């Protein structure tokens, strides 16, 4: 597994994961909300505040954080990859930027 800062090239895989878990997030149920989230993710990527977990080049975890406010903003792990400490590893990586 690779934990890394997200890049523009990760956006499609990132949104594939968000599409899978959108039912767990009340604000992501509509196409408009998903498009808005995509734009938000791109903003966080540009600020180097987006982290993704990859297994075999597939995004299985995503995390957005605010350096300015020292807070985690969004965290999701693919249901098929849960209970493997992916979220814990992404949070630990995030803390290196705080």
C-alpha atoms as a PDB file:
ATOM      1  CA  UNK A   1       0.000   0.000   0.000  1.00  0.00           C
ATOM      2  CA  UNK A   2       1.167   3.505  -0.818  1.00  0.00           C
ATOM      3  CA  UNK A   3       0.087   6.573   1.183  1.00  0.00           C
ATOM      4  CA  UNK A   4       0.827   9.804  -0.664  1.00  0.00           C
ATOM      5  CA  UNK A   5      -0.297  13.318  -1.399  1.00  0.00           C
ATOM      6  CA  UNK A   6      -2.984  13.317  -4.049  1.00  0.00           C
ATOM      7  CA  UNK A   7      -2.255  14.727  -7.483  1.00  0.00           C
ATOM      8  CA  UNK A   8      -4.413  15.963 -10.336  1.00  0.00           C
ATOM      9  CA  UNK A   9      -3.914  12.604 -12.071  1.00  0.00           C
ATOM     10  CA  UNK A  10      -5.620  10.896  -9.104  1.00  0.00           C
ATOM     11  CA  UNK A  11      -8.936  12.761  -9.433  1.00  0.00           C
ATOM     12  CA  UNK A  12     -10.817  10.146 -11.460  1.00  0.00           C
ATOM     13  CA  UNK A  13      -9.828   7.293  -9.140  1.00  0.00           C
ATOM     14  CA  UNK A  14     -10.569   9.533  -6.154  1.00  0.00           C
ATOM     15  CA  UNK A  15     -14.068  10.249  -7.421  1.00  0.00           C
ATOM     16  CA  UNK A  16     -14.632   6.556  -8.206  1.00  0.00           C
ATOM     17  CA  UNK A  17     -14.108   5.867  -4.500  1.00  0.00           C
ATOM     18  CA  UNK A  18     -16.334   8.782  -3.471  1.00  0.00           C
ATOM     19  CA  UNK A  19     -19.054   7.401  -5.747  1.00  0.00           C
ATOM     20  CA  UNK A  20     -18.841   4.060  -3.886  1.00  0.00           C
ATOM     21  CA  UNK A  21     -19.147   5.612  -0.412  1.00  0.00           C
ATOM     22  CA  UNK A  22     -21.433   8.574  -1.157  1.00  0.00           C
ATOM     23  CA  UNK A  23     -24.374   7.028   0.721  1.00  0.00           C
ATOM     24  CA  UNK A  24     -22.357   7.398   3.942  1.00  0.00           C
ATOM     25  CA  UNK A  25     -22.129  11.177   3.419  1.00  0.00           C
ATOM     26  CA  UNK A  26     -25.412  13.134   3.435  1.00  0.00           C
ATOM     27  CA  UNK A  27     -23.945  15.987   1.401  1.00  0.00           C
ATOM     28  CA  UNK A  28     -22.871  13.814  -1.544  1.00  0.00           C
ATOM     29  CA  UNK A  29     -26.133  12.333  -2.756  1.00  0.00           C
ATOM     30  CA  UNK A  30     -26.734  14.455  -5.877  1.00  0.00           C
ATOM     31  CA  UNK A  31     -24.758  14.850  -9.104  1.00  0.00           C
ATOM     32  CA  UNK A  32     -24.374  18.556  -8.321  1.00  0.00           C
ATOM     33  CA  UNK A  33     -22.972  17.778  -4.870  1.00  0.00           C
ATOM     34  CA  UNK A  34     -20.521  15.256  -6.333  1.00  0.00           C
ATOM     35  CA  UNK A  35     -19.328  17.809  -8.888  1.00  0.00           C
ATOM     36  CA  UNK A  36     -18.877  20.374  -6.134  1.00  0.00           C
ATOM     37  CA  UNK A  37     -16.914  17.817  -4.098  1.00  0.00           C
ATOM     38  CA  UNK A  38     -14.706  17.114  -7.125  1.00  0.00           C
ATOM     39  CA  UNK A  39     -13.880  20.838  -7.348  1.00  0.00           C
ATOM     40  CA  UNK A  40     -13.167  20.916  -3.613  1.00  0.00           C
ATOM     41  CA  UNK A  41     -10.832  17.932  -3.925  1.00  0.00           C
ATOM     42  CA  UNK A  42      -8.955  19.671  -6.738  1.00  0.00           C
ATOM     43  CA  UNK A  43      -8.543  22.762  -4.541  1.00  0.00           C
ATOM     44  CA  UNK A  44      -7.170  20.626  -1.697  1.00  0.00           C
ATOM     45  CA  UNK A  45      -4.832  18.821  -4.118  1.00  0.00           C
ATOM     46  CA  UNK A  46      -3.460  22.184  -5.270  1.00  0.00           C
ATOM     47  CA  UNK A  47      -2.846  23.147  -1.614  1.00  0.00           C
ATOM     48  CA  UNK A  48      -1.132  19.786  -0.938  1.00  0.00           C
ATOM     49  CA  UNK A  49      -3.864  18.966   1.562  1.00  0.00           C
ATOM     50  CA  UNK A  50      -5.218  15.796  -0.038  1.00  0.00           C
ATOM     51  CA  UNK A  51      -3.951  12.304   0.795  1.00  0.00           C
ATOM     52  CA  UNK A  52      -4.809   9.046  -0.890  1.00  0.00           C
ATOM     53  CA  UNK A  53      -4.064   5.401  -0.172  1.00  0.00           C
ATOM     54  CA  UNK A  54      -3.371   3.189  -3.168  1.00  0.00           C
ATOM     55  CA  UNK A  55      -3.184  -0.559  -3.537  1.00  0.00           C
ATOM     56  CA  UNK A  56      -2.052  -1.806  -6.966  1.00  0.00           C
ATOM     57  CA  UNK A  57      -2.538   1.745  -8.278  1.00  0.00           C
ATOM     58  CA  UNK A  58      -6.221   1.771  -7.183  1.00  0.00           C
ATOM     59  CA  UNK A  59      -7.343   4.469  -4.736  1.00  0.00           C
ATOM     60  CA  UNK A  60      -8.805   2.744  -1.680  1.00  0.00           C
ATOM     61  CA  UNK A  61      -8.687   5.634   0.789  1.00  0.00           C
ATOM     62  CA  UNK A  62      -8.988   9.402   0.652  1.00  0.00           C
ATOM     63  CA  UNK A  63      -8.436  12.189   3.147  1.00  0.00           C
ATOM     64  CA  UNK A  64      -8.728  15.975   2.952  1.00  0.00           C
ATOM     65  CA  UNK A  65      -7.274  18.198   5.654  1.00  0.00           C
ATOM     66  CA  UNK A  66      -6.790  21.846   6.480  1.00  0.00           C
ATOM     67  CA  UNK A  67      -3.285  22.935   7.432  1.00  0.00           C
ATOM     68  CA  UNK A  68      -4.559  26.370   8.431  1.00  0.00           C
ATOM     69  CA  UNK A  69      -7.241  25.052  10.801  1.00  0.00           C
ATOM     70  CA  UNK A  70      -5.354  21.907  11.823  1.00  0.00           C
ATOM     71  CA  UNK A  71      -8.302  19.656  11.095  1.00  0.00           C
ATOM     72  CA  UNK A  72      -9.384  16.647   9.134  1.00  0.00           C
ATOM     73  CA  UNK A  73     -12.097  17.591   6.634  1.00  0.00           C
ATOM     74  CA  UNK A  74     -12.977  14.347   4.828  1.00  0.00           C
ATOM     75  CA  UNK A  75     -12.000  10.699   5.255  1.00  0.00           C
ATOM     76  CA  UNK A  76     -13.232   7.655   3.350  1.00  0.00           C
ATOM     77  CA  UNK A  77     -12.025   4.087   2.842  1.00  0.00           C
ATOM     78  CA  UNK A  78     -13.406   1.646   0.290  1.00  0.00           C
ATOM     79  CA  UNK A  79     -15.634  -0.840   2.126  1.00  0.00           C
ATOM     80  CA  UNK A  80     -13.697  -3.755   0.623  1.00  0.00           C
ATOM     81  CA  UNK A  81     -10.486  -2.474   2.239  1.00  0.00           C
ATOM     82  CA  UNK A  82     -11.724  -1.487   5.690  1.00  0.00           C
ATOM     83  CA  UNK A  83     -10.252  -2.894   8.900  1.00  0.00           C
ATOM     84  CA  UNK A  84      -6.747  -2.793   7.412  1.00  0.00           C
ATOM     85  CA  UNK A  85      -5.626   0.376   9.263  1.00  0.00           C
ATOM     86  CA  UNK A  86      -5.726   2.452   6.075  1.00  0.00           C
ATOM     87  CA  UNK A  87      -7.468   5.384   7.762  1.00  0.00           C
ATOM     88  CA  UNK A  88      -4.991   5.256  10.642  1.00  0.00           C
ATOM     89  CA  UNK A  89      -2.051   5.361   8.222  1.00  0.00           C
ATOM     90  CA  UNK A  90      -3.529   8.279   6.280  1.00  0.00           C
ATOM     91  CA  UNK A  91      -4.140  10.247   9.510  1.00  0.00           C
ATOM     92  CA  UNK A  92      -0.573   9.554  10.676  1.00  0.00           C
ATOM     93  CA  UNK A  93       0.734  10.822   7.339  1.00  0.00           C
ATOM     94  CA  UNK A  94      -1.496  13.893   7.582  1.00  0.00           C
ATOM     95  CA  UNK A  95      -0.020  14.732  10.983  1.00  0.00           C
ATOM     96  CA  UNK A  96       3.432  15.104   9.405  1.00  0.00           C
ATOM     97  CA  UNK A  97       2.069  18.193   7.611  1.00  0.00           C
ATOM     98  CA  UNK A  98       0.637  19.844  10.722  1.00  0.00           C
END
